[in-house]
């Protein structure tokens, strides 16, 4: 039986996206969301090549940090 693998996706400083797998040492980048999906699948294929268990589901969890200044009352 396969597992679910979650990628934390953030905006890259230079534009595009960065994705890092939680619990595995997999990292990839892309300029567009569609390219990111392709790169994640390619990275999975390489990382789990020959492994007895492969992920059956991948979740791309998009995280966006926003700082909002709060004026002192």
Protein backbone atom coordinates (compact mmCIF):
# COMPACT_ATOMS: atom_id res chain seq x y z
CA UNK A 1 0.00 0.00 0.00
CA UNK A 2 1.26 3.48 -0.85
CA UNK A 3 1.40 6.58 1.25
CA UNK A 4 0.49 10.23 0.92
CA UNK A 5 3.34 12.68 0.54
CA UNK A 6 2.86 16.36 1.36
CA UNK A 7 4.91 19.11 -0.27
CA UNK A 8 5.09 22.54 1.30
CA UNK A 9 5.00 25.05 -1.57
CA UNK A 10 6.15 28.64 -1.13
CA UNK A 11 6.77 31.58 -3.42
CA UNK A 12 10.42 31.71 -4.51
CA UNK A 13 12.20 35.01 -3.85
CA UNK A 14 13.21 35.29 -7.49
CA UNK A 15 9.72 34.37 -8.75
CA UNK A 16 8.01 31.04 -9.28
CA UNK A 17 7.66 28.37 -6.61
CA UNK A 18 9.76 26.17 -4.32
CA UNK A 19 8.42 22.83 -3.08
CA UNK A 20 9.85 20.72 -0.24
CA UNK A 21 8.54 17.31 0.79
CA UNK A 22 7.74 16.88 4.46
CA UNK A 23 9.54 13.85 5.88
CA UNK A 24 11.65 13.20 2.77
CA UNK A 25 14.64 14.98 1.30
CA UNK A 26 12.94 16.04 -1.94
CA UNK A 27 13.09 19.63 -3.19
CA UNK A 28 12.18 21.17 -6.54
CA UNK A 29 11.49 24.57 -8.09
CA UNK A 30 9.49 25.89 -11.05
CA UNK A 31 8.36 29.10 -12.70
CA UNK A 32 4.68 28.09 -13.04
CA UNK A 33 2.27 25.92 -11.06
CA UNK A 34 1.93 23.48 -13.98
CA UNK A 35 5.71 23.15 -14.25
CA UNK A 36 5.89 22.60 -10.48
CA UNK A 37 3.44 19.69 -10.71
CA UNK A 38 5.56 18.10 -13.45
CA UNK A 39 8.79 18.65 -11.49
CA UNK A 40 7.30 17.15 -8.31
CA UNK A 41 6.29 13.99 -10.18
CA UNK A 42 9.74 13.71 -11.79
CA UNK A 43 11.45 14.19 -8.42
CA UNK A 44 9.24 11.49 -6.90
CA UNK A 45 10.09 9.06 -9.68
CA UNK A 46 13.82 9.56 -9.08
CA UNK A 47 13.62 9.52 -5.28
CA UNK A 48 11.51 6.36 -5.04
CA UNK A 49 13.08 4.45 -7.94
CA UNK A 50 13.51 0.86 -6.83
CA UNK A 51 11.81 1.49 -3.47
CA UNK A 52 9.24 -1.08 -2.29
CA UNK A 53 6.71 1.62 -1.33
CA UNK A 54 5.72 4.58 -3.50
CA UNK A 55 3.40 7.48 -2.71
CA UNK A 56 -0.08 7.00 -4.14
CA UNK A 57 -1.12 10.57 -3.50
CA UNK A 58 0.75 13.88 -3.44
CA UNK A 59 -0.59 16.99 -1.74
CA UNK A 60 0.79 20.39 -2.71
CA UNK A 61 0.22 22.61 0.31
CA UNK A 62 0.68 26.25 -0.75
CA UNK A 63 1.92 28.46 2.09
CA UNK A 64 1.98 32.20 1.76
CA UNK A 65 3.52 34.38 4.42
CA UNK A 66 2.23 37.90 4.75
CA UNK A 67 3.40 40.41 7.32
CA UNK A 68 0.91 43.06 8.30
CA UNK A 69 2.25 45.99 10.34
CA UNK A 70 0.09 46.87 13.31
CA UNK A 71 0.20 50.41 14.58
CA UNK A 72 0.51 50.89 18.33
CA UNK A 73 -2.74 52.08 19.86
